[in-house]
Protein backbone atom coordinates (compact mmCIF):
# COMPACT_ATOMS: atom_id res chain seq x y z
CA UNK A 1 79.48 140.98 85.77
CA UNK A 2 76.99 140.33 82.97
CA UNK A 3 75.23 137.18 84.24
CA UNK A 4 71.80 136.67 85.73
CA UNK A 5 71.99 137.52 89.48
CA UNK A 6 69.15 135.11 90.18
CA UNK A 7 71.43 132.17 89.35
CA UNK A 8 72.73 130.89 92.69
CA UNK A 9 75.31 128.29 91.81
CA UNK A 10 76.33 127.93 95.46
CA UNK A 11 72.81 126.83 96.41
CA UNK A 12 72.63 123.77 98.67
CA UNK A 13 70.29 121.49 96.71
CA UNK A 14 70.57 117.75 97.59
CA UNK A 15 67.57 116.86 95.41
CA UNK A 16 69.18 118.35 92.32
CA UNK A 17 72.45 116.59 93.16
CA UNK A 18 70.64 113.26 93.48
CA UNK A 19 68.96 113.82 90.13
CA UNK A 20 72.28 114.52 88.41
CA UNK A 21 73.95 111.44 89.92
CA UNK A 22 71.12 109.09 88.94
CA UNK A 23 71.18 110.51 85.41
CA UNK A 24 74.80 109.32 84.92
CA UNK A 25 74.27 105.87 86.47
CA UNK A 26 74.90 106.29 90.20
CA UNK A 27 72.63 104.44 92.62
CA UNK A 28 71.86 104.82 96.31
CA UNK A 29 72.06 101.56 98.26
CA UNK A 30 69.92 100.26 101.08
CA UNK A 31 72.51 101.58 103.53
CA UNK A 32 71.93 105.12 102.23
CA UNK A 33 75.37 105.25 100.58
CA UNK A 34 76.00 106.12 96.96
CA UNK A 35 77.42 103.46 94.64
CA UNK A 36 79.25 103.89 91.34
CA UNK A 37 77.71 102.70 88.06
CA UNK A 38 80.10 99.70 88.35
CA UNK A 39 78.42 98.67 91.63
CA UNK A 40 81.32 99.66 93.91
CA UNK A 41 80.81 102.00 96.83
CA UNK A 42 81.67 105.58 95.93
CA UNK A 43 84.57 106.74 98.11
CA UNK A 44 85.99 110.25 97.65
CA UNK A 45 89.41 111.07 99.09
CA UNK A 46 90.27 114.67 99.93
CA UNK A 47 93.88 115.81 100.33
CA UNK A 48 94.36 118.83 102.57
CA UNK A 49 97.31 120.68 104.12
CA UNK A 50 98.23 119.73 107.67
CA UNK A 51 100.97 122.21 108.62
CA UNK A 52 100.01 125.34 106.67
CA UNK A 53 96.89 127.12 105.36
CA UNK A 54 94.63 126.01 108.17
CA UNK A 55 91.62 127.49 106.35
CA UNK A 56 92.16 124.99 103.53
CA UNK A 57 92.35 122.12 106.01
CA UNK A 58 89.09 123.17 107.67
CA UNK A 59 87.37 123.41 104.27
CA UNK A 60 88.30 119.77 103.64
CA UNK A 61 86.50 118.59 106.76
CA UNK A 62 83.49 120.88 106.14
CA UNK A 63 83.05 119.41 102.65
CA UNK A 64 83.46 115.87 104.00
CA UNK A 65 80.73 116.47 106.60
CA UNK A 66 78.27 117.63 103.92
CA UNK A 67 79.09 114.79 101.54
CA UNK A 68 78.81 112.17 104.29
CA UNK A 69 75.40 113.56 105.26
CA UNK A 70 74.41 113.17 101.61
CA UNK A 71 75.59 109.54 101.54
CA UNK A 72 79.03 109.88 99.90
CA UNK A 73 81.79 108.02 101.72
CA UNK A 74 84.51 110.66 102.20
CA UNK A 75 88.04 110.40 103.62
CA UNK A 76 90.13 113.49 104.47
CA UNK A 77 93.92 113.07 104.45
CA UNK A 78 95.83 116.04 105.93
CA UNK A 79 99.44 115.81 104.77
CA UNK A 80 102.57 117.92 105.20
CA UNK A 81 103.80 120.36 102.59
CA UNK A 82 106.43 117.91 101.31
CA UNK A 83 103.65 115.51 100.31
CA UNK A 84 100.93 118.02 99.46
CA UNK A 85 102.90 120.25 97.07
CA UNK A 86 104.11 117.52 94.64
CA UNK A 87 100.65 115.94 94.59
CA UNK A 88 99.08 119.33 93.93
CA UNK A 89 101.50 120.36 91.16
CA UNK A 90 101.15 117.03 89.32
CA UNK A 91 97.39 116.80 89.78
CA UNK A 92 97.70 113.47 91.61
CA UNK A 93 94.61 113.77 93.77
CA UNK A 94 90.85 113.31 93.54
CA UNK A 95 89.83 116.39 95.51
CA UNK A 96 92.16 118.98 97.00
CA UNK A 97 91.49 121.92 99.27
CA UNK A 98 93.95 124.74 98.67
CA UNK A 99 94.28 128.28 97.37
CA UNK A 100 93.94 127.92 93.58
CA UNK A 101 94.92 131.53 93.15
CA UNK A 102 95.40 134.86 94.85
CA UNK A 103 93.17 137.31 92.97
CA UNK A 104 91.84 135.56 89.88
CA UNK A 105 92.50 138.45 87.50
CA UNK A 106 96.23 138.35 88.28
CA UNK A 107 96.34 134.59 87.77
CA UNK A 108 95.16 134.97 84.21
CA UNK A 109 98.26 136.90 83.20
CA UNK A 110 101.67 135.21 83.42
CA UNK A 111 103.55 138.39 84.34
CA UNK A 112 101.32 138.86 87.40
CA UNK A 113 100.24 135.32 88.18
CA UNK A 114 100.96 133.98 91.65
CA UNK A 115 100.31 130.26 91.28
CA UNK A 116 100.60 128.04 88.25
CA UNK A 117 102.34 128.83 84.98
CA UNK A 118 99.65 131.07 83.52
CA UNK A 119 96.30 129.77 82.33
CA UNK A 120 97.10 129.91 78.63
CA UNK A 121 97.61 126.61 76.80
CA UNK A 122 101.04 127.76 75.58
CA UNK A 123 102.33 127.74 79.16
CA UNK A 124 101.49 124.11 79.78
CA UNK A 125 104.18 121.44 79.54
CA UNK A 126 103.53 117.75 80.25
CA UNK A 127 106.97 117.53 81.88
CA UNK A 128 105.98 120.19 84.44
CA UNK A 129 102.27 119.61 84.99
CA UNK A 130 100.10 122.00 86.93
CA UNK A 131 96.50 122.26 88.06
CA UNK A 132 95.85 125.57 86.32
CA UNK A 133 93.60 126.10 83.35
CA UNK A 134 96.49 125.43 80.96
CA UNK A 135 95.95 121.65 81.11
CA UNK A 136 92.14 121.74 81.35
CA UNK A 137 89.95 120.80 78.41
CA UNK A 138 86.69 122.76 78.03
CA UNK A 139 84.69 124.16 75.12
CA UNK A 140 85.82 127.77 75.54
CA UNK A 141 89.50 127.11 76.03
CA UNK A 142 90.48 128.71 72.71
CA UNK A 143 88.45 131.78 73.64
CA UNK A 144 90.20 132.06 76.99
CA UNK A 145 93.60 131.75 75.27
CA UNK A 146 92.65 134.61 72.96
CA UNK A 147 91.61 136.80 75.89
CA UNK A 148 94.88 136.16 77.73
CA UNK A 149 96.86 136.97 74.56
CA UNK A 150 95.07 140.31 74.38
CA UNK A 151 95.70 140.97 78.09
CA UNK A 152 99.42 140.41 77.56
CA UNK A 153 99.46 142.99 74.77
CA UNK A 154 97.60 145.56 76.89
CA UNK A 155 99.76 147.99 78.92
CA UNK A 156 99.22 148.02 82.70
CA UNK A 157 96.68 150.65 83.73
CA UNK A 158 94.79 150.60 80.45
CA UNK A 159 91.01 150.41 81.18
CA UNK A 160 90.77 147.71 78.53
CA UNK A 161 92.40 145.26 80.92
CA UNK A 162 89.30 145.33 83.13
CA UNK A 163 86.94 144.44 80.27
CA UNK A 164 89.21 141.59 79.22
CA UNK A 165 89.37 140.37 82.80
CA UNK A 166 85.56 140.44 83.03
CA UNK A 167 85.28 138.26 79.93
CA UNK A 168 87.77 135.77 81.36
CA UNK A 169 85.90 135.64 84.67
CA UNK A 170 82.64 134.87 82.89
CA UNK A 171 84.29 131.83 81.32
CA UNK A 172 85.49 130.78 84.77
CA UNK A 173 81.93 131.09 86.13
CA UNK A 174 80.60 128.88 83.34
CA UNK A 175 83.32 126.22 83.39
CA UNK A 176 83.93 126.23 87.15
CA UNK A 177 87.45 124.66 87.17
CA UNK A 178 87.41 124.99 90.93
CA UNK A 179 84.81 126.01 93.47
CA UNK A 180 85.47 129.17 95.42
CA UNK A 181 84.09 128.89 98.95
CA UNK A 182 85.10 132.24 100.38
CA UNK A 183 87.97 134.70 100.35
CA UNK A 184 90.32 134.49 103.28
CA UNK A 185 89.88 137.79 105.12
CA UNK A 186 92.71 139.40 107.06
CA UNK A 187 93.55 142.93 108.04
CA UNK A 188 96.55 145.13 107.39
CA UNK A 189 96.87 148.14 109.69
CA UNK A 190 98.55 151.34 108.48
CA UNK A 191 99.61 154.26 110.66
CA UNK A 192 99.90 157.62 108.89
CA UNK A 193 101.68 159.32 111.78
CA UNK A 194 105.21 158.58 110.51
CA UNK A 195 104.61 157.62 106.89
CA UNK A 196 101.86 158.52 104.43
CA UNK A 197 100.99 157.13 101.03
CA UNK A 198 99.56 153.79 102.10
CA UNK A 199 96.95 152.24 99.79
CA UNK A 200 93.48 153.13 101.11
CA UNK A 201 90.02 152.34 99.86
CA UNK A 202 88.41 153.82 97.81
CA UNK A 203 90.43 156.93 96.98
CA UNK A 204 93.97 155.53 96.81
CA UNK A 205 93.63 151.78 96.45
CA UNK A 206 96.54 151.33 94.03
CA UNK A 207 97.84 148.05 95.44
CA UNK A 208 96.59 145.18 97.56
CA UNK A 209 98.32 145.89 100.92
CA UNK A 210 99.56 142.41 101.72
CA UNK A 211 103.00 143.04 103.16
CA UNK A 212 104.24 139.46 102.96
CA UNK A 213 103.88 139.48 99.17
CA UNK A 214 106.36 140.75 96.62
CA UNK A 215 104.32 143.83 95.66
CA UNK A 216 105.18 145.37 99.04
CA UNK A 217 108.13 146.99 97.22
CA UNK A 218 105.68 149.10 95.18
CA UNK A 219 104.00 150.27 98.37
CA UNK A 220 107.33 151.24 99.94
CA UNK A 221 108.18 153.36 96.90
CA UNK A 222 104.96 155.37 97.41
CA UNK A 223 105.57 156.22 101.09
CA UNK A 224 106.62 159.69 102.19
CA UNK A 225 107.49 161.13 105.63
CA UNK A 226 104.45 162.64 107.36
CA UNK A 227 106.55 165.32 109.06
CA UNK A 228 105.42 164.48 112.57
CA UNK A 229 108.76 163.13 113.78
CA UNK A 230 112.34 164.27 113.36
CA UNK A 231 114.38 162.42 110.83
CA UNK A 232 117.27 160.45 112.23
CA UNK A 233 119.70 161.73 109.63
CA UNK A 234 119.18 165.30 110.93
CA UNK A 235 119.34 164.54 114.65
CA UNK A 236 122.21 162.06 114.79
CA UNK A 237 125.44 163.79 115.89
CA UNK A 238 128.38 163.57 113.50
CA UNK A 239 128.64 161.05 110.76
CA UNK A 240 126.62 157.87 110.85
CA UNK A 241 128.49 154.92 112.28
CA UNK A 242 130.31 152.63 109.91
CA UNK A 243 128.80 149.22 110.19
CA UNK A 244 131.11 146.24 110.20
CA UNK A 245 131.50 144.30 107.01
CA UNK A 246 129.21 141.31 107.44
CA UNK A 247 130.04 139.69 104.17
CA UNK A 248 131.23 136.13 104.62
CA UNK A 249 134.97 135.80 104.40
CA UNK A 250 136.85 132.91 102.96
CA UNK A 251 138.35 130.73 105.67
CA UNK A 252 142.16 130.94 105.98
CA UNK A 253 144.11 128.34 104.08
CA UNK A 254 145.72 126.01 106.57
CA UNK A 255 148.56 123.83 105.36
CA UNK A 256 148.32 120.55 107.18
CA UNK A 257 151.44 119.60 109.16
CA UNK A 258 152.59 116.08 108.34
CA UNK A 259 152.41 113.87 111.38
CA UNK A 260 155.66 113.03 113.19
CA UNK A 261 156.31 109.34 113.02
CA UNK A 262 158.75 107.57 115.37
CA UNK A 263 160.55 104.69 113.70
CA UNK A 264 160.06 101.37 115.33
CA UNK A 265 163.11 100.15 117.34
CA UNK A 266 165.33 97.68 115.47
CA UNK A 267 167.25 95.04 117.37
CA UNK A 268 170.49 93.85 115.73
CA UNK A 269 172.05 90.64 116.98
CA UNK A 270 175.66 89.91 115.97
CA UNK A 271 177.14 86.47 116.70
CA UNK A 272 180.91 86.13 116.67
CA UNK A 273 182.68 82.81 117.20
CA UNK A 274 186.43 82.83 117.87
CA UNK A 275 188.80 80.12 119.14
CA UNK A 276 191.91 81.14 121.02
CA UNK A 277 194.97 78.89 121.49
CA UNK A 278 197.48 79.78 124.25
CA UNK A 279 201.03 78.54 124.02
CA UNK A 280 204.10 79.28 126.21
CA UNK A 281 206.99 79.83 123.89
CA UNK A 282 209.75 81.40 126.06
CA UNK A 283 210.51 81.56 129.76
CA UNK A 284 213.31 83.89 131.02
CA UNK A 285 213.75 84.14 134.70
CA UNK A 286 210.47 84.88 136.27
CA UNK A 287 208.95 86.50 133.16
CA UNK A 288 206.62 84.42 131.03
CA UNK A 289 205.73 85.66 127.55
CA UNK A 290 202.54 84.25 126.10
CA UNK A 291 201.18 84.80 122.64
CA UNK A 292 197.56 84.42 121.57
CA UNK A 293 197.11 83.20 118.03
CA UNK A 294 193.63 83.16 116.62
CA UNK A 295 192.82 79.76 115.15
CA UNK A 296 190.29 79.56 112.39
CA UNK A 297 187.18 77.76 113.39
CA UNK A 298 186.97 74.28 111.90
CA UNK A 299 183.89 72.88 110.40
CA UNK A 300 183.20 69.77 112.50
CA UNK A 301 181.51 67.65 109.81
CA UNK A 302 184.22 68.45 107.30
CA UNK A 303 187.01 67.64 109.80
CA UNK A 304 185.38 64.32 110.70
CA UNK A 305 185.10 63.39 107.02
CA UNK A 306 188.78 64.12 106.44
CA UNK A 307 189.79 62.07 109.48
CA UNK A 308 187.76 59.08 108.32
CA UNK A 309 189.28 59.34 104.85
CA UNK A 310 192.85 59.45 106.21
CA UNK A 311 192.05 56.49 108.43
CA UNK A 312 190.90 54.42 105.47
CA UNK A 313 193.94 55.45 103.43
CA UNK A 314 196.21 54.41 106.33
CA UNK A 315 194.56 51.01 106.52
CA UNK A 316 195.05 50.49 102.81
CA UNK A 317 198.76 51.37 102.97
CA UNK A 318 199.30 49.11 105.95
CA UNK A 319 197.57 46.21 104.13
CA UNK A 320 199.83 46.68 101.08
CA UNK A 321 202.99 46.74 103.22
CA UNK A 322 201.90 43.58 105.00
CA UNK A 323 201.33 41.75 101.67
CA UNK A 324 204.78 42.60 100.33
CA UNK A 325 206.53 41.34 103.45
CA UNK A 326 204.63 38.11 103.44
């Protein structure tokens, strides 16, 4: 890679760590704990995934065990993805244990990067912060930007891309934006009995064979039948079956039927008042003829008023007649 192989920057060296801390004002108390230059106890909080990437969660507790043994008060907070991801993307954490990238060389180029928005300054936006190099400040940031610009102008497969990647990795080794503990090993098994063309090391390692990643499509395009089994399209009798159309169909339009309402029963009360007067007008032999004449109903108060008035008028006339005679 171009650096001195005797430099072991993963070396466990508590004495050197103590020297560096004291140089910047940290102090170790009588209880063996480290205290900040302000006099407060130094407490480091680590955020780690709780429901995914179990390797990252274990790293958090391994680091905490080492720091506690060294005298640094350390708290590990495993949180779910809904809490971890926003904190990670906005950089709202002191220490985080996560995958900062899947293959560093790919992360340096925006058209291949897997996490972050590219590590060039031009891809950083304060409105969409990220923990990539784009928002880091370090002396060789302009140099890294220049390397990434050149990588973007280099066609895929050009040997120059490897030299540019080596230069970028050397900057990463010097600046150490994040500490790489170990790669996460896992195995992908390929069987050449049915299909051939799988990526194999070292002769045909054209793609990282991780089948849950998007580049699996490039592996599929390289596969060819091995010739050890009969092809289904040659052994199936007749035409292949027509599969049912599984596209979602629009639900039928249903016109709602207005509800039937029963009118409330209405009770009508009619009051009729009628007076009937019966008179015998003619009698011939044994036959009696009677007529019924409807008599209009009199208003009782009005009739009483008229009677009283006539009575008074009669008294007045009688008094006048009496005076004249006397």
